[in-house]
Amino acid sequence: MNRLTLLASLTAIAIVVAGCSAASGPTYNAYSVDASDGVRTYRVECGGIFETAATCTKVAERICGNKSVQPIEKIDRLRDASDATADPRTMDFKCESAARVQGAVKTAPAPNTRTIESFALQSDALFAFDKSSLDSMLPAGKADLDKAIEQIKTHEGVADIAVVGHTDRIGSPAVNQRLSEARADTVRAYLIAHGLDGSLVHAQGMGSSQPISHCPAGYSRAVIACLQPDRRVSIEVKG
């Protein structure tokens, strides 16, 4: 794909993964990219002096988890004109799977599993209003996620980690569905970037279909405040 054509089709780019420093390991940056056709794609850049094209591939596989990595474009590193070695350090890709559930893969946990931990994170604390990218996540929300990640890491035999996004009833169902999916995808990427196994972490958006509040009709500030519990991202850990 022509690079200019690809860039012209992108509507938003947000950093979702940051690598380690060169002193402690490979360095890379990975971005979540929302294309104009609604398909979420990613870009990984492995420009450090210790990196190779294989680093980009490994990061892509980690992001995609149990999906397959489908490269869209690979961009070679800058090098001397006499050097003809192919060594792409930037890769645009998407994660492809055989089945999708509301825009995100959801595989059933292994038989006889049980819920061993669950978290309900308020979206108002996780994200800025009407946002879903990593750079719109709020410090308090990241702190809550970090605590959840550390708690999940204490469990042995984890078989499935389900991340489910929810919204309140305000707004159109289509917009709420997309927002819930995008927020769940961002939280999934955050969990994986902080050490959880991507093959176990699955994201799904439910829009406003599963409210837990009991609020009156209307759109007043009081009603919006009452609906706050509905705006959430849940994480269920099974093992």
C-alpha atoms as a PDB file:
ATOM      1  CA  MET A   1       0.000   0.000   0.000  1.00  0.00           C
ATOM      2  CA  ASN A   2       1.308   3.457  -0.835  1.00  0.00           C
ATOM      3  CA  ARG A   3       2.336   5.206   2.349  1.00  0.00           C
ATOM      4  CA  LEU A   4       0.602   8.457   1.459  1.00  0.00           C
ATOM      5  CA  THR A   5      -2.602   6.596   0.675  1.00  0.00           C
ATOM      6  CA  LEU A   6      -2.473   4.828   4.033  1.00  0.00           C
ATOM      7  CA  LEU A   7      -1.844   7.989   6.002  1.00  0.00           C
ATOM      8  CA  ALA A   8      -4.649   9.789   4.216  1.00  0.00           C
ATOM      9  CA  SER A   9      -7.103   7.128   5.351  1.00  0.00           C
ATOM     10  CA  LEU A  10      -6.296   7.438   9.039  1.00  0.00           C
ATOM     11  CA  THR A  11      -8.556   9.451  11.277  1.00  0.00           C
ATOM     12  CA  ALA A  12      -6.786   9.140  14.623  1.00  0.00           C
ATOM     13  CA  ILE A  13      -3.509   7.845  16.008  1.00  0.00           C
ATOM     14  CA  ALA A  14      -2.839   7.172  19.677  1.00  0.00           C
ATOM     15  CA  ILE A  15       0.212   5.628  21.347  1.00  0.00           C
ATOM     16  CA  VAL A  16      -0.812   2.342  22.936  1.00  0.00           C
ATOM     17  CA  VAL A  17       2.504   0.715  23.837  1.00  0.00           C
ATOM     18  CA  ALA A  18       5.844   2.122  24.931  1.00  0.00           C
ATOM     19  CA  GLY A  19       8.920  -0.073  24.956  1.00  0.00           C
ATOM     20  CA  CYS A  20      11.773  -0.279  27.431  1.00  0.00           C
ATOM     21  CA  SER A  21      14.842   1.921  27.325  1.00  0.00           C
ATOM     22  CA  ALA A  22      17.781   0.745  25.237  1.00  0.00           C
ATOM     23  CA  ALA A  23      19.748   0.144  28.437  1.00  0.00           C
ATOM     24  CA  SER A  24      17.280  -2.494  29.655  1.00  0.00           C
ATOM     25  CA  GLY A  25      16.036  -4.053  26.424  1.00  0.00           C
ATOM     26  CA  PRO A  26      14.526  -3.373  23.010  1.00  0.00           C
ATOM     27  CA  THR A  27      12.882  -0.021  22.378  1.00  0.00           C
ATOM     28  CA  TYR A  28       9.749   0.394  20.332  1.00  0.00           C
ATOM     29  CA  ASN A  29       6.581   2.432  19.967  1.00  0.00           C
ATOM     30  CA  ALA A  30       3.218   1.026  18.930  1.00  0.00           C
ATOM     31  CA  TYR A  31       0.150   2.968  17.889  1.00  0.00           C
ATOM     32  CA  SER A  32      -3.521   2.141  17.640  1.00  0.00           C
ATOM     33  CA  VAL A  33      -4.905   3.539  14.395  1.00  0.00           C
ATOM     34  CA  ASP A  34      -8.593   4.040  13.620  1.00  0.00           C
ATOM     35  CA  ALA A  35      -8.983   3.968   9.835  1.00  0.00           C
ATOM     36  CA  SER A  36     -11.790   5.721   7.975  1.00  0.00           C
ATOM     37  CA  ASP A  37     -13.319   2.336   7.075  1.00  0.00           C
ATOM     38  CA  GLY A  38     -13.770   1.508  10.754  1.00  0.00           C
ATOM     39  CA  VAL A  39     -11.129  -1.254  10.826  1.00  0.00           C
ATOM     40  CA  ARG A  40      -8.678  -0.849  13.672  1.00  0.00           C
ATOM     41  CA  THR A  41      -5.093  -1.115  12.527  1.00  0.00           C
ATOM     42  CA  TYR A  42      -1.769  -0.640  14.281  1.00  0.00           C
ATOM     43  CA  ARG A  43       1.680   0.747  13.641  1.00  0.00           C
ATOM     44  CA  VAL A  44       4.814  -0.440  15.409  1.00  0.00           C
ATOM     45  CA  GLU A  45       8.152   1.390  15.137  1.00  0.00           C
ATOM     46  CA  CYS A  46      11.400  -0.296  16.152  1.00  0.00           C
ATOM     47  CA  GLY A  47      13.993   2.368  15.508  1.00  0.00           C
ATOM     48  CA  GLY A  48      16.492   1.764  18.297  1.00  0.00           C
ATOM     49  CA  ILE A  49      20.053   0.805  17.528  1.00  0.00           C
ATOM     50  CA  PHE A  50      19.586  -2.654  19.047  1.00  0.00           C
ATOM     51  CA  GLU A  51      16.400  -3.505  17.146  1.00  0.00           C
ATOM     52  CA  THR A  52      15.762  -5.566  14.032  1.00  0.00           C
ATOM     53  CA  ALA A  53      12.712  -6.201  11.899  1.00  0.00           C
ATOM     54  CA  ALA A  54      12.047  -9.211  14.118  1.00  0.00           C
ATOM     55  CA  THR A  55      11.414  -6.872  17.055  1.00  0.00           C
ATOM     56  CA  CYS A  56       8.532  -5.249  15.191  1.00  0.00           C
ATOM     57  CA  THR A  57       7.092  -8.645  14.349  1.00  0.00           C
ATOM     58  CA  LYS A  58       7.258  -9.820  17.961  1.00  0.00           C
ATOM     59  CA  VAL A  59       5.536  -6.665  19.211  1.00  0.00           C
ATOM     60  CA  ALA A  60       2.808  -7.064  16.576  1.00  0.00           C
ATOM     61  CA  GLU A  61       2.239 -10.676  17.624  1.00  0.00           C
ATOM     62  CA  ARG A  62       1.970  -9.595  21.245  1.00  0.00           C
ATOM     63  CA  ILE A  63      -0.639  -6.954  20.391  1.00  0.00           C
ATOM     64  CA  CYS A  64      -2.691  -9.326  18.247  1.00  0.00           C
ATOM     65  CA  GLY A  65      -2.686 -12.079  20.860  1.00  0.00           C
ATOM     66  CA  ASN A  66      -4.539 -15.081  19.453  1.00  0.00           C
ATOM     67  CA  LYS A  67      -5.267 -13.317  16.163  1.00  0.00           C
ATOM     68  CA  SER A  68      -2.947 -13.450  13.197  1.00  0.00           C
ATOM     69  CA  VAL A  69      -0.828 -10.468  12.180  1.00  0.00           C
ATOM     70  CA  GLN A  70      -1.671  -9.193   8.700  1.00  0.00           C
ATOM     71  CA  PRO A  71       0.970  -6.688   7.514  1.00  0.00           C
ATOM     72  CA  ILE A  72      -0.321  -3.725   5.517  1.00  0.00           C
ATOM     73  CA  GLU A  73       2.951  -1.912   4.862  1.00  0.00           C
ATOM     74  CA  LYS A  74       6.565  -2.256   5.941  1.00  0.00           C
ATOM     75  CA  ILE A  75       8.908   0.740   5.831  1.00  0.00           C
ATOM     76  CA  ASP A  76      12.665   0.279   5.730  1.00  0.00           C
ATOM     77  CA  ARG A  77      15.008   2.101   8.071  1.00  0.00           C
ATOM     78  CA  LEU A  78      17.077   4.992   6.811  1.00  0.00           C
ATOM     79  CA  ARG A  79      20.499   3.778   5.699  1.00  0.00           C
ATOM     80  CA  ASP A  80      23.358   4.521   3.384  1.00  0.00           C
ATOM     81  CA  ALA A  81      22.469   4.354  -0.305  1.00  0.00           C
ATOM     82  CA  SER A  82      25.055   1.614  -0.832  1.00  0.00           C
ATOM     83  CA  ASP A  83      23.337  -0.620   1.724  1.00  0.00           C
ATOM     84  CA  ALA A  84      20.725  -2.727  -0.093  1.00  0.00           C
ATOM     85  CA  THR A  85      19.782  -4.868   2.920  1.00  0.00           C
ATOM     86  CA  ALA A  86      16.039  -4.966   3.562  1.00  0.00           C
ATOM     87  CA  ASP A  87      15.472  -4.084   7.209  1.00  0.00           C
ATOM     88  CA  PRO A  88      11.994  -2.643   7.812  1.00  0.00           C
ATOM     89  CA  ARG A  89      11.719  -0.830  11.163  1.00  0.00           C
ATOM     90  CA  THR A  90       8.136   0.393  10.813  1.00  0.00           C
ATOM     91  CA  MET A  91       5.188  -1.888  10.156  1.00  0.00           C
ATOM     92  CA  ASP A  92       1.500  -1.099   9.705  1.00  0.00           C
ATOM     93  CA  PHE A  93      -0.697  -4.116  10.362  1.00  0.00           C
ATOM     94  CA  LYS A  94      -4.085  -5.345  11.478  1.00  0.00           C
ATOM     95  CA  CYS A  95      -5.131  -8.314  13.560  1.00  0.00           C
ATOM     96  CA  GLU A  96      -7.223 -10.792  11.642  1.00  0.00           C
ATOM     97  CA  SER A  97      -9.347 -13.608  13.021  1.00  0.00           C
ATOM     98  CA  ALA A  98     -11.943 -16.048  11.772  1.00  0.00           C
ATOM     99  CA  ALA A  99     -14.729 -14.667  13.943  1.00  0.00           C
ATOM    100  CA  ARG A 100     -15.566 -11.298  15.422  1.00  0.00           C
ATOM    101  CA  VAL A 101     -18.093 -10.444  18.126  1.00  0.00           C
ATOM    102  CA  GLN A 102     -19.241  -6.805  18.037  1.00  0.00           C
ATOM    103  CA  GLY A 103     -15.906  -5.713  16.619  1.00  0.00           C
ATOM    104  CA  ALA A 104     -13.688  -7.724  18.980  1.00  0.00           C
ATOM    105  CA  VAL A 105     -12.719 -11.365  19.231  1.00  0.00           C
ATOM    106  CA  LYS A 106     -14.330 -13.212  22.095  1.00  0.00           C
ATOM    107  CA  THR A 107     -13.381 -16.839  22.652  1.00  0.00           C
ATOM    108  CA  ALA A 108     -15.049 -18.981  25.252  1.00  0.00           C
ATOM    109  CA  PRO A 109     -12.949 -19.795  28.303  1.00  0.00           C
ATOM    110  CA  ALA A 110     -11.935 -23.379  28.847  1.00  0.00           C
ATOM    111  CA  PRO A 111     -14.609 -25.679  30.317  1.00  0.00           C
ATOM    112  CA  ASN A 112     -14.882 -25.844  34.096  1.00  0.00           C
ATOM    113  CA  THR A 113     -13.335 -22.418  34.618  1.00  0.00           C
ATOM    114  CA  ARG A 114     -14.606 -20.063  37.288  1.00  0.00           C
ATOM    115  CA  THR A 115     -14.336 -16.363  37.948  1.00  0.00           C
ATOM    116  CA  ILE A 116     -11.385 -15.784  40.249  1.00  0.00           C
ATOM    117  CA  GLU A 117     -11.252 -11.976  40.121  1.00  0.00           C
ATOM    118  CA  SER A 118     -13.346  -9.165  38.682  1.00  0.00           C
ATOM    119  CA  PHE A 119     -12.900  -5.417  38.432  1.00  0.00           C
ATOM    120  CA  ALA A 120     -15.315  -2.636  37.525  1.00  0.00           C
ATOM    121  CA  LEU A 121     -13.504   0.528  36.444  1.00  0.00           C
ATOM    122  CA  GLN A 122     -15.519   3.707  36.022  1.00  0.00           C
ATOM    123  CA  SER A 123     -15.073   5.167  32.539  1.00  0.00           C
ATOM    124  CA  ASP A 124     -15.268   8.694  33.978  1.00  0.00           C
ATOM    125  CA  ALA A 125     -12.043   7.925  35.839  1.00  0.00           C
ATOM    126  CA  LEU A 126     -10.452   6.012  32.951  1.00  0.00           C
ATOM    127  CA  PHE A 127     -11.014   8.346  29.997  1.00  0.00           C
ATOM    128  CA  ALA A 128     -11.646  11.973  29.187  1.00  0.00           C
ATOM    129  CA  PHE A 129     -15.213  12.697  28.085  1.00  0.00           C
ATOM    130  CA  ASP A 130     -16.208  10.866  24.883  1.00  0.00           C
ATOM    131  CA  LYS A 131     -12.629   9.629  24.350  1.00  0.00           C
ATOM    132  CA  SER A 132     -11.161   6.159  24.053  1.00  0.00           C
ATOM    133  CA  SER A 133      -7.466   6.394  23.112  1.00  0.00           C
ATOM    134  CA  LEU A 134      -4.563   5.733  25.459  1.00  0.00           C
ATOM    135  CA  ASP A 135      -3.467   9.361  25.451  1.00  0.00           C
ATOM    136  CA  SER A 136      -6.941  10.333  26.694  1.00  0.00           C
ATOM    137  CA  MET A 137      -6.706   8.013  29.688  1.00  0.00           C
ATOM    138  CA  LEU A 138      -6.645   9.837  33.015  1.00  0.00           C
ATOM    139  CA  PRO A 139      -3.918   9.306  35.669  1.00  0.00           C
ATOM    140  CA  ALA A 140      -6.399   7.910  38.193  1.00  0.00           C
ATOM    141  CA  GLY A 141      -7.666   5.416  35.626  1.00  0.00           C
ATOM    142  CA  LYS A 142      -4.161   4.238  34.767  1.00  0.00           C
ATOM    143  CA  ALA A 143      -3.410   3.842  38.469  1.00  0.00           C
ATOM    144  CA  ASP A 144      -6.517   1.678  38.890  1.00  0.00           C
ATOM    145  CA  LEU A 145      -5.505  -0.428  35.883  1.00  0.00           C
ATOM    146  CA  ASP A 146      -1.982  -0.856  37.231  1.00  0.00           C
ATOM    147  CA  LYS A 147      -3.398  -2.155  40.517  1.00  0.00           C
ATOM    148  CA  ALA A 148      -5.683  -4.557  38.667  1.00  0.00           C
ATOM    149  CA  ILE A 149      -2.782  -5.844  36.560  1.00  0.00           C
ATOM    150  CA  GLU A 150      -0.633  -6.518  39.609  1.00  0.00           C
ATOM    151  CA  GLN A 151      -3.510  -8.345  41.257  1.00  0.00           C
ATOM    152  CA  ILE A 152      -4.146 -10.460  38.151  1.00  0.00           C
ATOM    153  CA  LYS A 153      -0.463 -11.420  38.030  1.00  0.00           C
ATOM    154  CA  THR A 154      -0.744 -12.982  41.489  1.00  0.00           C
ATOM    155  CA  HIS A 155      -3.125 -15.669  40.188  1.00  0.00           C
ATOM    156  CA  GLU A 156      -1.924 -18.953  38.754  1.00  0.00           C
ATOM    157  CA  GLY A 157      -3.755 -20.856  36.056  1.00  0.00           C
ATOM    158  CA  VAL A 158      -5.505 -17.864  34.478  1.00  0.00           C
ATOM    159  CA  ALA A 159      -7.439 -19.134  31.446  1.00  0.00           C
ATOM    160  CA  ASP A 160      -9.317 -16.068  30.223  1.00  0.00           C
ATOM    161  CA  ILE A 161      -9.394 -12.305  30.831  1.00  0.00           C
ATOM    162  CA  ALA A 162     -12.518 -10.639  29.455  1.00  0.00           C
ATOM    163  CA  VAL A 163     -12.513  -6.861  29.022  1.00  0.00           C
ATOM    164  CA  VAL A 164     -15.996  -5.456  28.416  1.00  0.00           C
ATOM    165  CA  GLY A 165     -16.808  -1.822  27.683  1.00  0.00           C
ATOM    166  CA  HIS A 166     -20.148  -0.243  28.641  1.00  0.00           C
ATOM    167  CA  THR A 167     -21.737   3.174  28.142  1.00  0.00           C
ATOM    168  CA  ASP A 168     -24.798   4.924  29.528  1.00  0.00           C
ATOM    169  CA  ARG A 169     -27.997   5.333  27.490  1.00  0.00           C
ATOM    170  CA  ILE A 170     -27.299   8.900  26.388  1.00  0.00           C
ATOM    171  CA  GLY A 171     -26.479   9.133  22.674  1.00  0.00           C
ATOM    172  CA  SER A 172     -27.255   6.907  19.723  1.00  0.00           C
ATOM    173  CA  PRO A 173     -26.858   3.119  20.073  1.00  0.00           C
ATOM    174  CA  ALA A 174     -24.350   3.049  17.203  1.00  0.00           C
ATOM    175  CA  VAL A 175     -22.119   5.702  18.757  1.00  0.00           C
ATOM    176  CA  ASN A 176     -22.327   4.059  22.165  1.00  0.00           C
ATOM    177  CA  GLN A 177     -21.434   0.682  20.667  1.00  0.00           C
ATOM    178  CA  ARG A 178     -18.356   2.058  18.923  1.00  0.00           C
ATOM    179  CA  LEU A 179     -17.244   3.923  22.043  1.00  0.00           C
ATOM    180  CA  SER A 180     -17.616   0.868  24.272  1.00  0.00           C
ATOM    181  CA  GLU A 181     -15.642  -1.268  21.811  1.00  0.00           C
ATOM    182  CA  ALA A 182     -12.870   1.306  21.433  1.00  0.00           C
ATOM    183  CA  ARG A 183     -12.479   1.701  25.192  1.00  0.00           C
ATOM    184  CA  ALA A 184     -12.388  -2.063  25.719  1.00  0.00           C
ATOM    185  CA  ASP A 185      -9.755  -2.392  22.963  1.00  0.00           C
ATOM    186  CA  THR A 186      -7.608   0.321  24.565  1.00  0.00           C
ATOM    187  CA  VAL A 187      -7.799  -1.306  27.995  1.00  0.00           C
ATOM    188  CA  ARG A 188      -6.904  -4.658  26.404  1.00  0.00           C
ATOM    189  CA  ALA A 189      -3.851  -3.116  24.744  1.00  0.00           C
ATOM    190  CA  TYR A 190      -2.846  -1.538  28.076  1.00  0.00           C
ATOM    191  CA  LEU A 191      -3.080  -4.884  29.893  1.00  0.00           C
ATOM    192  CA  ILE A 192      -0.944  -6.587  27.258  1.00  0.00           C
ATOM    193  CA  ALA A 193       1.613  -3.769  27.207  1.00  0.00           C
ATOM    194  CA  HIS A 194       1.996  -4.200  30.973  1.00  0.00           C
ATOM    195  CA  GLY A 195       2.768  -7.889  30.852  1.00  0.00           C
ATOM    196  CA  LEU A 196      -0.460  -9.882  30.582  1.00  0.00           C
ATOM    197  CA  ASP A 197      -0.669 -12.650  27.981  1.00  0.00           C
ATOM    198  CA  GLY A 198      -2.350 -11.262  24.871  1.00  0.00           C
ATOM    199  CA  SER A 199      -3.697 -14.696  23.915  1.00  0.00           C
ATOM    200  CA  LEU A 200      -5.802 -14.690  27.108  1.00  0.00           C
ATOM    201  CA  VAL A 201      -7.113 -11.128  26.960  1.00  0.00           C
ATOM    202  CA  HIS A 202     -10.272 -10.540  24.906  1.00  0.00           C
ATOM    203  CA  ALA A 203     -12.194  -7.308  24.390  1.00  0.00           C
ATOM    204  CA  GLN A 204     -15.868  -6.718  23.725  1.00  0.00           C
ATOM    205  CA  GLY A 205     -18.165  -3.688  23.666  1.00  0.00           C
ATOM    206  CA  MET A 206     -21.737  -3.842  24.895  1.00  0.00           C
ATOM    207  CA  GLY A 207     -22.788  -0.240  24.301  1.00  0.00           C
ATOM    208  CA  SER A 208     -25.635   0.729  26.630  1.00  0.00           C
ATOM    209  CA  SER A 209     -27.288  -2.702  26.585  1.00  0.00           C
ATOM    210  CA  GLN A 210     -26.341  -3.692  30.148  1.00  0.00           C
ATOM    211  CA  PRO A 211     -27.147  -0.792  32.509  1.00  0.00           C
ATOM    212  CA  ILE A 212     -26.790  -1.262  36.252  1.00  0.00           C
ATOM    213  CA  SER A 213     -28.256   2.085  37.358  1.00  0.00           C
ATOM    214  CA  HIS A 214     -31.896   2.940  38.040  1.00  0.00           C
ATOM    215  CA  CYS A 215     -32.299   6.553  36.959  1.00  0.00           C
ATOM    216  CA  PRO A 216     -35.228   8.719  35.859  1.00  0.00           C
ATOM    217  CA  ALA A 217     -35.753   9.724  32.245  1.00  0.00           C
ATOM    218  CA  GLY A 218     -34.200  12.850  30.811  1.00  0.00           C
ATOM    219  CA  TYR A 219     -30.770  14.347  30.230  1.00  0.00           C
ATOM    220  CA  SER A 220     -30.335  16.741  33.131  1.00  0.00           C
ATOM    221  CA  ARG A 221     -27.036  17.010  34.970  1.00  0.00           C
ATOM    222  CA  ALA A 222     -28.570  15.083  37.842  1.00  0.00           C
ATOM    223  CA  VAL A 223     -29.571  12.240  35.524  1.00  0.00           C
ATOM    224  CA  ILE A 224     -26.132  12.180  33.886  1.00  0.00           C
ATOM    225  CA  ALA A 225     -24.549  11.906  37.331  1.00  0.00           C
ATOM    226  CA  CYS A 226     -27.010   9.139  38.240  1.00  0.00           C
ATOM    227  CA  LEU A 227     -25.988   7.194  35.117  1.00  0.00           C
ATOM    228  CA  GLN A 228     -22.302   7.213  36.055  1.00  0.00           C
ATOM    229  CA  PRO A 229     -22.203   3.523  37.140  1.00  0.00           C
ATOM    230  CA  ASP A 230     -23.267   2.512  33.625  1.00  0.00           C
ATOM    231  CA  ARG A 231     -20.150   4.125  32.139  1.00  0.00           C
ATOM    232  CA  ARG A 232     -17.619   1.463  32.970  1.00  0.00           C
ATOM    233  CA  VAL A 233     -15.102  -1.082  31.747  1.00  0.00           C
ATOM    234  CA  SER A 234     -15.236  -4.446  33.475  1.00  0.00           C
ATOM    235  CA  ILE A 235     -12.444  -7.002  33.670  1.00  0.00           C
ATOM    236  CA  GLU A 236     -13.311 -10.599  34.533  1.00  0.00           C
ATOM    237  CA  VAL A 237     -10.545 -13.087  35.191  1.00  0.00           C
ATOM    238  CA  LYS A 238     -11.290 -16.803  34.921  1.00  0.00           C
ATOM    239  CA  GLY A 239      -9.140 -19.773  35.738  1.00  0.00           C
END
